[in-house]
Amino acid sequence: MKTSPTPPGKALICAPLPPEYDRESGSRRIFHMIEFLLEAGWTVAFVCENAPPDSRHLRLLRQRGVATLVGFDGPFADLVEGGDFDLAVFAFWYIADRYADVVRRVSPRTRIVVESVDLHWLRGARQILGGRNGEQGSLDADYGGDLVAELNAYAKADAVFTVSEKEAGLVNDIVGDPALALSVPDCDETPRSTVPFKDRQGVLFVGNFRHTPNVDAIQFLSEEILPLLPSRIRSKHPLWIVGNGLEDPITDLVQGCPGIRIVGWVPFVEPYLHQARASIVPLRFGAGTKRKLIQSLLAGTPSVTTPIGIEGMEVTDGKHLLVGDDARSLAEAIERLLTDEELWSALASAGRRRMLRYHSRSGARARFLEAIQLLLSRPSKTQEAVSDLDTGGREHREVELSAFRRAVERAIPNDTSALVVSKGDPELIDIPIRRARHFPLADNGGYAGYHPKDSRAAVHHLSEAREDAEYLVLPPSSWWWLDYYEGFAHHLGSRHERVWADDACVIYRLHPRSSPGVKAVPAAAGSPKVHASPGGMVSRTPR
């Protein structure tokens, strides 16, 4: 995903609570996004539903130049109306479900992003259907209602950000739009420990214990995994539990379990990561990627986890960490890490290298800004809802339609056929004395109703459709194709001749480029000179 640079703009970030980056992973992710925008020169405002009095996290934002507001009542609409925001990011689907319509109504041009953090419907289904403790659950109407609301919030957005390619693919498959969800990885900067194997002691479990999967993991760990470890191991290597929300009745789950030490919330987890010989992430359900695992591997502390724990991460069992799928295999993996120095050293090095490759701050920042730039190259869904061309009222639409048709009539000869990249707008194919159809095409010759999955699919669609068409026309609302489908854009540029490009449309002749010695058919008389930007977008060259 590469796009041409976009000038810094104005962003609105909306969340349930202040970005408590030192308490839970989702807030840390939002805080990083705010930092990335500020570093790129953006102006940022932050709004949350609730906040403790004199929140130190809001105070930190204000010190960094971020305007803050608590509550989504009247002042929120005033902020949106006067803010001229290019972008509004809603942390979690339910915040978008409650308040995104205000942004759509007051500021139609603002692009709306839902930051999923993790897919709640996926996590909820796994929790209910997991069949733990001998009880097989079933999904009910309450779950169904939340599922519908979550998917609707995603479908209404201009983009959805996910923590992994897997979750982006799930969203795109369900909503039928392969360009909607974009993967932006979590990142961290945990330094590597300098403490050697022989000087380390204990097993560490870090988590936000207001999060149900982590509470279940404590119970699983204390009741089923730890009892399988030999007593000599447990006496030498206690289990340290560190994290937010470690209060009654959660602590009751481990009362009376030997070798467990409750720490609770700490401002920095690094001292514990650097001293522990191993970390454990015994999740039985959940979604998203696990920051606790990223931090542990970055620290050079080998980890044991479950298939759920490594979901969405580019890691391999036995190469970067150890994975077990039941209590016995997890206990055996813990014992191996605590006693096998050669294995421990290999995993410590390989795990850190892997995290630096996929979860570095610089990499996540670049991916986030690329996603923002791609999003801004498309119209908002509010603008698309008016029409594929319109940006403000019927009169303006007629002006743009006239310019579009004039360009097509000048570039494409009479009685020839053309494909128009669109979302089914009938006025875009209403071109006198020319046969125009929507692209992509359905089997019946009408609009297919979806975008191609990727560049390969886009090229395949074109190769099939060009048998009955001589030109491909891209109105401005479809120019994002040239950024998102990079391979498709390269195919057009290398295989077909661009005969027109201005503010009204871009047109390609669907025939192979002329060979040396063969005279190419020139663009229509009066066609403006054009150039392509690095991202593939076109713009008019001043005369």
Protein backbone atom coordinates (compact mmCIF):
# COMPACT_ATOMS: atom_id res chain seq x y z
CA MET A 1 0.00 0.00 0.00
CA LYS A 2 1.85 3.10 -1.24
CA THR A 3 0.34 6.53 -1.72
CA SER A 4 1.61 9.94 -2.63
CA PRO A 5 2.14 12.23 0.38
CA THR A 6 -0.86 14.21 1.57
CA PRO A 7 -0.62 17.56 3.37
CA PRO A 8 -1.30 17.44 7.12
CA GLY A 9 -4.95 17.87 7.95
CA LYS A 10 -7.32 17.93 10.89
CA ALA A 11 -8.33 14.79 12.78
CA LEU A 12 -10.99 14.07 15.39
CA ILE A 13 -10.44 11.05 17.65
CA CYS A 14 -13.46 9.70 19.56
CA ALA A 15 -13.25 7.08 22.31
CA PRO A 16 -15.12 5.81 25.38
CA LEU A 17 -12.36 6.90 27.80
CA PRO A 18 -9.11 8.88 27.77
CA PRO A 19 -6.20 7.02 26.08
CA GLU A 20 -4.90 5.27 29.21
CA TYR A 21 -1.83 4.00 27.40
CA ASP A 22 -0.24 2.62 30.57
CA ARG A 23 -3.29 0.58 31.60
CA GLU A 24 -4.66 -1.30 28.61
CA SER A 25 -3.70 -2.18 25.06
CA GLY A 26 -6.59 -0.60 23.15
CA SER A 27 -5.93 2.78 24.74
CA ARG A 28 -2.22 2.45 23.97
CA ARG A 29 -3.10 1.85 20.32
CA ILE A 30 -5.25 5.00 20.21
CA PHE A 31 -2.52 7.00 21.94
CA HIS A 32 0.01 5.85 19.33
CA MET A 33 -2.33 6.96 16.53
CA ILE A 34 -2.61 10.41 18.08
CA GLU A 35 1.19 10.57 18.34
CA PHE A 36 1.60 9.51 14.71
CA LEU A 37 -0.79 12.24 13.52
CA LEU A 38 0.92 14.91 15.61
CA GLU A 39 4.34 13.85 14.34
CA ALA A 40 3.03 14.16 10.77
CA GLY A 41 1.93 17.73 11.43
CA TRP A 42 -1.80 17.12 11.86
CA THR A 43 -4.09 19.13 14.13
CA VAL A 44 -5.87 16.72 16.50
CA ALA A 45 -8.91 16.97 18.76
CA PHE A 46 -9.97 14.23 21.18
CA VAL A 47 -13.45 13.50 22.59
CA CYS A 48 -14.40 10.77 25.08
CA GLU A 49 -17.66 9.72 26.72
CA ASN A 50 -16.34 9.73 30.27
CA ALA A 51 -13.17 10.67 32.14
CA PRO A 52 -12.06 10.79 35.78
CA PRO A 53 -11.75 14.26 37.32
CA ASP A 54 -8.56 15.99 36.22
CA SER A 55 -7.53 13.02 34.08
CA ARG A 56 -3.75 12.92 33.76
CA HIS A 57 -4.12 11.28 30.35
CA LEU A 58 -6.25 14.15 29.03
CA ARG A 59 -3.85 16.61 30.63
CA LEU A 60 -0.99 14.99 28.72
CA LEU A 61 -2.90 15.35 25.45
CA ARG A 62 -3.51 19.04 26.10
CA GLN A 63 0.19 19.53 26.87
CA ARG A 64 0.90 18.13 23.42
CA GLY A 65 -1.48 20.56 21.74
CA VAL A 66 -4.54 18.30 21.46
CA ALA A 67 -7.91 19.92 22.19
CA THR A 68 -9.99 17.68 24.48
CA LEU A 69 -13.69 17.40 25.25
CA VAL A 70 -15.58 15.08 27.61
CA GLY A 71 -19.08 14.12 26.49
CA PHE A 72 -20.88 13.85 23.15
CA ASP A 73 -23.68 16.31 23.86
CA GLY A 74 -24.26 19.71 22.19
CA PRO A 75 -20.65 20.96 22.21
CA PHE A 76 -19.61 17.86 20.24
CA ALA A 77 -21.78 18.80 17.25
CA ASP A 78 -20.49 22.37 17.48
CA LEU A 79 -16.91 21.08 17.50
CA VAL A 80 -17.54 18.95 14.39
CA GLU A 81 -19.33 21.76 12.56
CA GLY A 82 -16.60 24.30 13.21
CA GLY A 83 -13.63 21.95 13.11
CA ASP A 84 -13.49 21.31 9.35
CA PHE A 85 -12.13 17.80 10.07
CA ASP A 86 -10.67 15.72 7.27
CA LEU A 87 -10.84 12.58 9.37
CA ALA A 88 -12.82 11.22 12.32
CA VAL A 89 -11.57 8.04 14.03
CA PHE A 90 -14.00 6.21 16.32
CA ALA A 91 -12.35 3.81 18.75
CA PHE A 92 -14.55 0.71 18.96
CA TRP A 93 -17.65 0.03 16.89
CA TYR A 94 -20.11 1.01 19.61
CA ILE A 95 -18.74 4.56 19.79
CA ALA A 96 -19.22 4.85 16.01
CA ASP A 97 -22.70 3.34 16.34
CA ARG A 98 -23.67 6.07 18.82
CA TYR A 99 -22.01 9.16 17.37
CA ALA A 100 -20.80 8.72 13.77
CA ASP A 101 -24.15 9.90 12.39
CA VAL A 102 -23.53 13.30 13.98
CA VAL A 103 -20.36 13.65 11.93
CA ARG A 104 -22.09 12.45 8.76
CA ARG A 105 -24.88 14.99 9.22
CA VAL A 106 -22.81 18.00 10.29
CA SER A 107 -19.65 17.45 8.21
CA PRO A 108 -20.42 15.28 5.13
CA ARG A 109 -16.91 15.52 3.68
CA THR A 110 -15.20 14.11 6.80
CA ARG A 111 -13.98 10.55 6.29
CA ILE A 112 -15.06 8.22 9.09
CA VAL A 113 -12.83 5.42 10.37
CA VAL A 114 -13.84 2.75 12.86
CA GLU A 115 -10.79 1.53 14.78
CA SER A 116 -11.89 -1.97 15.73
CA VAL A 117 -9.05 -2.71 18.23
CA ASP A 118 -10.38 -6.26 18.02
CA LEU A 119 -13.49 -7.78 16.46
CA HIS A 120 -15.97 -7.97 19.33
CA TRP A 121 -18.35 -10.29 17.49
CA LEU A 122 -15.52 -12.78 16.94
CA ARG A 123 -14.32 -12.64 20.54
CA GLY A 124 -17.90 -12.96 21.83
CA ALA A 125 -18.72 -15.97 19.67
CA ARG A 126 -15.58 -17.77 20.81
CA GLN A 127 -16.36 -17.06 24.44
CA ILE A 128 -19.94 -18.33 24.16
CA LEU A 129 -19.30 -21.33 21.92
CA GLY A 130 -16.02 -22.42 23.51
CA GLY A 131 -17.59 -25.12 25.62
CA ARG A 132 -15.34 -24.59 28.66
CA ASN A 133 -16.08 -26.31 31.95
CA GLY A 134 -18.09 -28.97 30.16
CA GLU A 135 -20.83 -26.54 29.11
CA GLN A 136 -21.58 -25.86 25.45
CA GLY A 137 -23.03 -22.38 25.02
CA SER A 138 -25.23 -21.09 22.23
CA LEU A 139 -25.56 -17.69 20.61
CA ASP A 140 -28.69 -15.80 21.62
CA ALA A 141 -30.66 -12.72 20.55
CA ASP A 142 -28.51 -10.40 22.66
CA TYR A 143 -25.40 -11.60 20.86
CA GLY A 144 -27.21 -11.30 17.53
CA GLY A 145 -28.21 -7.71 18.24
CA ASP A 146 -24.64 -6.72 19.03
CA LEU A 147 -23.37 -8.57 15.96
CA VAL A 148 -25.75 -6.69 13.67
CA ALA A 149 -24.89 -3.33 15.23
CA GLU A 150 -21.13 -3.97 14.99
CA LEU A 151 -21.22 -5.05 11.35
CA ASN A 152 -23.48 -2.13 10.42
CA ALA A 153 -21.05 0.30 12.07
CA TYR A 154 -18.21 -1.14 9.98
CA ALA A 155 -20.22 -1.11 6.74
CA LYS A 156 -21.25 2.54 7.18
CA ALA A 157 -17.68 3.72 7.73
CA ASP A 158 -15.33 4.95 5.03
CA ALA A 159 -12.67 2.60 6.42
CA VAL A 160 -12.12 0.12 9.24
CA PHE A 161 -8.70 -0.27 10.83
CA THR A 162 -7.81 -3.70 12.21
CA VAL A 163 -4.75 -5.05 14.01
CA SER A 164 -4.14 -7.88 11.54
CA GLU A 165 -4.62 -8.88 7.92
CA LYS A 166 -6.77 -11.78 9.11
CA GLU A 167 -9.30 -9.51 10.80
CA ALA A 168 -9.28 -7.09 7.87
CA GLY A 169 -10.08 -10.01 5.58
CA LEU A 170 -12.95 -11.13 7.80
CA VAL A 171 -14.53 -7.66 7.78
CA ASN A 172 -14.10 -7.27 4.03
CA ASP A 173 -15.57 -10.70 3.28
CA ILE A 174 -18.63 -10.08 5.44
CA VAL A 175 -19.44 -6.58 4.17
CA GLY A 176 -18.57 -7.45 0.57
CA ASP A 177 -16.06 -4.64 0.09
CA PRO A 178 -12.42 -5.75 -0.24
CA ALA A 179 -11.18 -2.16 0.13
CA LEU A 180 -12.98 -1.25 3.38
CA ALA A 181 -10.82 -2.72 6.17
CA LEU A 182 -7.10 -1.96 6.34
CA SER A 183 -4.57 -3.64 8.61
CA VAL A 184 -2.54 -1.33 10.87
CA PRO A 185 -0.34 -3.40 13.22
CA ASP A 186 0.14 -2.76 16.93
CA CYS A 187 3.59 -1.59 17.91
CA ASP A 188 5.76 -1.19 20.98
CA GLU A 189 9.25 -0.05 21.91
CA THR A 190 10.05 -2.37 24.81
CA PRO A 191 13.85 -2.48 25.18
CA ARG A 192 15.71 -5.78 25.26
CA SER A 193 16.70 -7.11 28.66
CA THR A 194 20.38 -7.47 29.44
CA VAL A 195 19.70 -9.97 32.25
CA PRO A 196 21.04 -13.43 31.29
CA PHE A 197 19.20 -16.74 31.65
CA LYS A 198 20.91 -17.75 34.88
CA ASP A 199 19.93 -14.51 36.66
CA ARG A 200 16.29 -14.62 35.69
CA GLN A 201 13.56 -16.15 37.77
CA GLY A 202 9.83 -16.75 37.60
CA VAL A 203 6.99 -16.71 35.07
CA LEU A 204 5.12 -13.53 34.22
CA PHE A 205 1.50 -12.98 33.14
CA VAL A 206 0.62 -9.41 32.13
CA GLY A 207 -2.87 -8.22 31.25
CA ASN A 208 -5.76 -5.83 31.68
CA PHE A 209 -8.01 -7.78 34.03
CA ARG A 210 -11.08 -5.76 33.22
CA HIS A 211 -10.94 -7.72 29.96
CA THR A 212 -12.87 -11.00 30.20
CA PRO A 213 -10.40 -13.20 28.24
CA ASN A 214 -7.65 -12.32 30.74
CA VAL A 215 -9.85 -13.19 33.72
CA ASP A 216 -10.61 -16.58 32.16
CA ALA A 217 -6.88 -17.02 31.53
CA ILE A 218 -6.08 -16.51 35.23
CA GLN A 219 -8.55 -19.22 36.16
CA PHE A 220 -7.21 -21.59 33.49
CA LEU A 221 -3.63 -20.94 34.60
CA SER A 222 -4.17 -21.33 38.34
CA GLU A 223 -6.58 -24.28 38.25
CA GLU A 224 -5.34 -26.39 35.33
CA ILE A 225 -1.85 -25.43 34.13
CA LEU A 226 0.22 -24.65 37.23
CA PRO A 227 -0.78 -27.84 39.13
CA LEU A 228 0.87 -29.83 36.33
CA LEU A 229 4.28 -28.24 36.92
CA PRO A 230 6.68 -30.15 39.19
CA SER A 231 6.84 -28.71 42.72
CA ARG A 232 10.61 -28.07 42.39
CA ILE A 233 9.89 -25.81 39.39
CA ARG A 234 7.08 -23.96 41.13
CA SER A 235 9.10 -23.35 44.28
CA LYS A 236 11.99 -21.87 42.30
CA HIS A 237 9.91 -19.95 39.74
CA PRO A 238 6.82 -18.19 41.13
CA LEU A 239 4.10 -16.82 38.86
CA TRP A 240 3.90 -13.02 38.86
CA ILE A 241 0.56 -11.49 37.79
CA VAL A 242 0.83 -7.85 36.73
CA GLY A 243 -1.83 -5.58 35.32
CA ASN A 244 -4.78 -3.25 35.60
CA GLY A 245 -7.99 -4.25 37.42
CA LEU A 246 -6.58 -6.95 39.70
CA GLU A 247 -9.22 -6.63 42.39
CA ASP A 248 -11.78 -8.80 44.13
CA PRO A 249 -13.32 -11.10 43.00
CA ILE A 250 -10.52 -11.72 40.46
CA THR A 251 -7.89 -12.18 43.13
CA ASP A 252 -10.18 -14.73 44.80
CA LEU A 253 -9.52 -17.03 41.84
CA VAL A 254 -5.92 -17.55 42.96
CA GLN A 255 -6.33 -17.47 46.73
CA GLY A 256 -4.70 -20.51 48.25
CA CYS A 257 -2.69 -21.32 45.09
CA PRO A 258 0.98 -21.70 46.09
CA GLY A 259 3.64 -19.80 44.17
CA ILE A 260 1.38 -17.03 42.81
CA ARG A 261 2.24 -13.40 43.54
CA ILE A 262 -0.29 -10.68 42.77
CA VAL A 263 1.31 -7.36 41.82
CA GLY A 264 -1.49 -5.35 40.21
CA TRP A 265 -1.05 -2.21 38.11
CA VAL A 266 2.44 -0.81 37.62
CA PRO A 267 3.43 2.25 35.56
CA PHE A 268 6.06 0.26 33.63
CA VAL A 269 6.09 -3.48 32.92
CA GLU A 270 9.68 -3.55 31.63
CA PRO A 271 11.32 -4.35 35.02
CA TYR A 272 9.13 -7.44 35.34
CA LEU A 273 9.66 -8.50 31.71
CA HIS A 274 13.42 -8.12 32.11
CA GLN A 275 13.64 -10.23 35.27
CA ALA A 276 11.23 -13.06 34.42
CA ARG A 277 12.65 -16.16 32.76
CA ALA A 278 9.45 -16.75 30.76
CA SER A 279 6.06 -15.19 30.12
CA ILE A 280 2.75 -16.98 29.73
CA VAL A 281 -0.33 -15.87 27.72
CA PRO A 282 -2.85 -18.70 28.29
CA LEU A 283 -5.84 -17.26 26.39
CA ARG A 284 -8.69 -19.62 25.54
CA PHE A 285 -10.71 -17.06 23.59
CA GLY A 286 -10.27 -13.54 22.31
CA ALA A 287 -9.55 -11.60 19.12
CA GLY A 288 -6.99 -9.13 17.83
CA THR A 289 -3.27 -9.30 18.44
CA LYS A 290 -1.83 -9.52 21.95
CA ARG A 291 0.34 -6.59 22.98
CA LYS A 292 1.53 -8.49 26.06
CA LEU A 293 3.10 -11.02 23.69
CA ILE A 294 4.68 -8.32 21.51
CA GLN A 295 6.19 -6.68 24.60
CA SER A 296 7.53 -9.94 25.98
CA LEU A 297 9.21 -10.97 22.74
CA LEU A 298 10.69 -7.50 22.26
CA ALA A 299 12.14 -7.73 25.77
CA GLY A 300 13.85 -10.99 24.83
CA THR A 301 11.70 -12.93 27.29
CA PRO A 302 10.60 -16.20 25.64
CA SER A 303 6.87 -16.84 25.78
CA VAL A 304 4.35 -19.64 25.98
CA THR A 305 0.88 -19.09 24.57
CA THR A 306 -2.08 -20.69 22.79
CA PRO A 307 -3.26 -20.64 19.16
CA ILE A 308 -5.54 -17.74 20.13
CA GLY A 309 -2.53 -15.93 21.58
CA ILE A 310 -0.57 -15.92 18.31
CA GLU A 311 -3.54 -15.16 16.05
CA GLY A 312 -2.79 -12.44 13.51
CA MET A 313 0.95 -12.51 14.29
CA GLU A 314 3.69 -13.72 11.96
CA VAL A 315 5.26 -16.16 14.43
CA THR A 316 6.01 -19.89 14.38
CA ASP A 317 5.80 -22.40 17.22
CA GLY A 318 9.27 -23.63 18.17
CA LYS A 319 11.03 -20.86 16.25
CA HIS A 320 9.88 -17.63 17.88
CA LEU A 321 7.96 -18.93 20.94
CA LEU A 322 6.20 -22.06 22.20
CA VAL A 323 2.51 -22.84 21.65
CA GLY A 324 0.28 -25.29 23.51
CA ASP A 325 -3.38 -26.05 22.96
CA ASP A 326 -4.25 -27.59 26.33
CA ALA A 327 -3.16 -27.41 29.96
CA ARG A 328 -0.62 -30.24 29.72
CA SER A 329 1.14 -28.98 26.60
CA LEU A 330 1.29 -25.47 28.06
CA ALA A 331 2.77 -26.75 31.34
CA GLU A 332 5.37 -28.77 29.44
CA ALA A 333 6.30 -25.72 27.36
CA ILE A 334 6.75 -23.60 30.50
CA GLU A 335 9.01 -26.23 32.03
CA ARG A 336 11.13 -26.39 28.86
CA LEU A 337 11.68 -22.63 28.84
CA LEU A 338 12.57 -22.57 32.53
CA THR A 339 15.15 -25.35 32.23
CA ASP A 340 16.58 -25.41 28.69
CA GLU A 341 19.02 -22.51 28.30
CA GLU A 342 19.89 -23.30 24.69
CA LEU A 343 16.22 -23.27 23.62
CA TRP A 344 15.61 -20.18 25.75
CA SER A 345 18.44 -18.24 24.09
CA ALA A 346 17.37 -19.18 20.56
CA LEU A 347 13.76 -18.12 21.14
CA ALA A 348 14.78 -14.91 22.91
CA SER A 349 16.79 -13.76 19.88
CA ALA A 350 14.43 -14.97 17.17
CA GLY A 351 11.32 -13.63 18.91
CA ARG A 352 12.74 -10.14 19.27
CA ARG A 353 13.89 -10.03 15.65
CA ARG A 354 10.41 -11.06 14.52
CA MET A 355 8.72 -8.33 16.53
CA LEU A 356 11.12 -5.68 15.24
CA ARG A 357 10.21 -6.71 11.71
CA TYR A 358 6.42 -6.69 12.10
CA HIS A 359 5.66 -4.52 15.14
CA SER A 360 8.21 -1.73 15.25
CA ARG A 361 7.00 1.79 15.89
CA SER A 362 8.39 3.10 12.60
CA GLY A 363 6.70 0.34 10.62
CA ALA A 364 3.32 0.81 12.31
CA ARG A 365 3.53 4.59 11.88
CA ALA A 366 4.26 4.26 8.15
CA ARG A 367 1.40 1.80 7.68
CA PHE A 368 -1.02 4.04 9.60
CA LEU A 369 -0.16 7.15 7.57
CA GLU A 370 -0.37 5.20 4.31
CA ALA A 371 -3.85 4.02 5.29
CA ILE A 372 -4.90 7.60 6.08
CA GLN A 373 -3.58 8.85 2.75
CA LEU A 374 -5.39 6.11 0.86
CA LEU A 375 -8.61 6.91 2.69
CA LEU A 376 -8.34 10.62 1.85
CA SER A 377 -7.93 9.78 -1.84
CA ARG A 378 -11.52 8.47 -1.86
CA PRO A 379 -14.74 10.44 -1.39
CA SER A 380 -16.58 9.94 1.89
CA LYS A 381 -19.63 7.69 1.77
CA THR A 382 -21.79 10.72 2.44
CA GLN A 383 -20.51 12.24 -0.79
CA GLU A 384 -20.87 8.95 -2.66
CA ALA A 385 -24.46 8.65 -1.45
CA VAL A 386 -25.35 11.81 -3.39
CA SER A 387 -23.83 10.30 -6.53
CA ASP A 388 -20.57 9.01 -7.91
CA LEU A 389 -19.65 12.52 -9.07
CA ASP A 390 -21.52 14.97 -6.89
CA THR A 391 -19.78 17.03 -4.24
CA GLY A 392 -22.57 19.40 -3.34
CA GLY A 393 -26.03 19.72 -4.83
CA ARG A 394 -27.80 18.97 -8.08
CA GLU A 395 -26.53 22.09 -9.85
CA HIS A 396 -22.90 21.15 -9.17
CA ARG A 397 -23.61 17.59 -10.22
CA GLU A 398 -24.90 18.75 -13.59
CA VAL A 399 -21.75 20.81 -14.12
CA GLU A 400 -19.50 17.83 -13.37
CA LEU A 401 -21.63 15.45 -15.42
CA SER A 402 -21.40 17.83 -18.38
CA ALA A 403 -17.62 18.04 -18.03
CA PHE A 404 -17.42 14.26 -17.76
CA ARG A 405 -19.52 13.71 -20.90
CA ARG A 406 -17.60 16.35 -22.88
CA ALA A 407 -14.34 14.62 -22.03
CA VAL A 408 -15.70 11.21 -23.05
CA GLU A 409 -17.12 12.60 -26.30
CA ARG A 410 -13.80 14.24 -27.18
CA ALA A 411 -11.64 11.23 -26.34
CA ILE A 412 -13.82 8.35 -27.53
CA PRO A 413 -15.07 8.09 -31.14
CA ASN A 414 -18.75 7.70 -31.91
CA ASP A 415 -20.30 4.25 -31.93
CA THR A 416 -17.60 2.67 -29.78
CA SER A 417 -17.96 0.88 -26.45
CA ALA A 418 -16.58 1.86 -23.05
CA LEU A 419 -16.42 0.57 -19.48
CA VAL A 420 -16.98 3.12 -16.72
CA VAL A 421 -15.55 2.36 -13.26
CA SER A 422 -18.39 3.28 -10.91
CA LYS A 423 -20.74 2.05 -8.21
CA GLY A 424 -23.68 1.64 -10.58
CA ASP A 425 -24.64 5.31 -11.17
CA PRO A 426 -26.82 5.17 -14.34
CA GLU A 427 -25.98 8.78 -15.33
CA LEU A 428 -22.32 7.86 -15.77
CA ILE A 429 -23.13 5.50 -18.64
CA ASP A 430 -25.69 7.80 -20.26
CA ILE A 431 -23.34 9.04 -23.00
CA PRO A 432 -24.79 9.89 -26.44
CA ILE A 433 -23.80 7.79 -29.48
CA ARG A 434 -21.54 5.57 -27.38
CA ARG A 435 -22.16 2.22 -25.74
CA ALA A 436 -21.15 2.45 -22.08
CA ARG A 437 -21.42 -0.11 -19.29
CA HIS A 438 -20.46 -0.23 -15.64
CA PHE A 439 -17.23 -1.83 -14.49
CA PRO A 440 -16.82 -4.30 -12.86
CA LEU A 441 -19.45 -6.22 -14.82
CA ALA A 442 -21.82 -8.91 -13.58
CA ASP A 443 -22.58 -11.95 -15.71
CA ASN A 444 -25.77 -10.27 -16.95
CA GLY A 445 -23.84 -7.23 -18.17
CA GLY A 446 -24.94 -4.95 -15.34
CA TYR A 447 -22.94 -3.54 -12.42
CA ALA A 448 -21.38 -6.35 -10.38
CA GLY A 449 -22.17 -4.63 -7.07
CA TYR A 450 -18.71 -4.98 -5.52
CA HIS A 451 -15.07 -3.98 -5.92
CA PRO A 452 -12.43 -6.56 -6.93
CA LYS A 453 -10.65 -8.30 -4.07
CA ASP A 454 -7.18 -7.25 -5.24
CA SER A 455 -5.19 -6.14 -8.28
CA ARG A 456 -5.11 -9.63 -9.75
CA ALA A 457 -8.91 -9.82 -9.61
CA ALA A 458 -9.22 -6.32 -11.11
CA VAL A 459 -6.96 -7.26 -14.04
CA HIS A 460 -8.90 -10.50 -14.53
CA HIS A 461 -12.21 -8.59 -14.64
CA LEU A 462 -10.75 -6.21 -17.19
CA SER A 463 -9.32 -8.96 -19.38
CA GLU A 464 -12.75 -10.58 -19.59
CA ALA A 465 -14.68 -7.34 -20.10
CA ARG A 466 -12.36 -5.79 -22.72
CA GLU A 467 -13.42 -8.38 -25.30
CA ASP A 468 -16.57 -6.29 -25.75
CA ALA A 469 -15.18 -2.84 -24.89
CA GLU A 470 -12.62 -0.52 -26.45
CA TYR A 471 -12.10 2.05 -23.65
CA LEU A 472 -11.95 2.21 -19.86
CA VAL A 473 -13.16 5.43 -18.19
CA LEU A 474 -12.38 6.41 -14.59
CA PRO A 475 -14.39 9.34 -13.14
CA PRO A 476 -12.83 11.15 -10.14
CA SER A 477 -14.75 9.02 -7.63
CA SER A 478 -12.87 5.94 -8.86
CA TRP A 479 -9.35 7.39 -8.92
CA TRP A 480 -8.62 5.68 -5.60
CA TRP A 481 -8.45 2.45 -7.65
CA LEU A 482 -5.12 3.67 -9.05
CA ASP A 483 -3.70 3.88 -5.53
CA TYR A 484 -5.32 0.86 -3.91
CA TYR A 485 -4.93 -1.56 -6.85
CA GLU A 486 -1.28 -0.83 -7.58
CA GLY A 487 -0.87 -3.87 -9.82
CA PHE A 488 -3.96 -2.89 -11.78
CA ALA A 489 -2.64 0.66 -12.24
CA HIS A 490 0.69 -0.73 -13.44
CA HIS A 491 -1.15 -3.02 -15.88
CA LEU A 492 -3.06 -0.07 -17.32
CA GLY A 493 0.06 2.07 -17.63
CA SER A 494 2.20 -0.62 -19.23
CA ARG A 495 -0.35 -2.38 -21.45
CA HIS A 496 -2.84 0.28 -22.50
CA GLU A 497 -2.64 3.83 -23.83
CA ARG A 498 -4.00 6.67 -21.73
CA VAL A 499 -5.77 8.98 -24.18
CA TRP A 500 -7.30 11.48 -21.77
CA ALA A 501 -6.77 12.77 -18.22
CA ASP A 502 -8.12 15.92 -16.65
CA ASP A 503 -10.29 16.93 -13.71
CA ALA A 504 -13.31 15.26 -15.30
CA CYS A 505 -12.00 11.73 -15.96
CA VAL A 506 -9.14 9.47 -17.05
CA ILE A 507 -9.55 7.29 -20.15
CA TYR A 508 -7.51 4.32 -21.42
CA ARG A 509 -7.77 2.61 -24.80
CA LEU A 510 -8.10 -1.11 -24.18
CA HIS A 511 -5.54 -2.40 -26.67
CA PRO A 512 -1.87 -3.24 -26.21
CA ARG A 513 0.53 -0.30 -26.38
CA SER A 514 1.77 0.43 -29.89
CA SER A 515 4.96 -1.37 -30.92
CA PRO A 516 7.93 0.59 -32.34
CA GLY A 517 7.18 1.71 -35.85
CA VAL A 518 3.42 1.59 -35.37
CA LYS A 519 1.74 4.98 -35.16
CA ALA A 520 -0.34 5.36 -31.97
CA VAL A 521 -3.80 6.88 -32.18
CA PRO A 522 -3.43 10.33 -30.58
CA ALA A 523 -5.61 11.74 -27.83
CA ALA A 524 -8.57 13.84 -28.90
CA ALA A 525 -7.76 17.35 -30.04
CA GLY A 526 -7.63 19.75 -27.15
CA SER A 527 -6.84 17.05 -24.62
CA PRO A 528 -4.87 18.56 -21.73
CA LYS A 529 -1.36 17.44 -20.92
CA VAL A 530 -1.33 15.33 -17.79
CA HIS A 531 1.08 13.63 -15.45
CA ALA A 532 0.71 10.85 -12.89
CA SER A 533 1.62 11.38 -9.27
CA PRO A 534 3.83 8.81 -7.48
CA GLY A 535 0.71 7.11 -6.15
CA GLY A 536 -0.84 6.76 -9.59
CA MET A 537 -3.32 9.64 -9.24
CA VAL A 538 -3.62 12.03 -12.17
CA SER A 539 -3.67 15.76 -12.22
CA ARG A 540 -3.88 18.47 -14.83
CA THR A 541 -0.70 20.19 -15.94
CA PRO A 542 -1.07 23.98 -15.92
CA ARG A 543 -1.13 25.47 -19.39
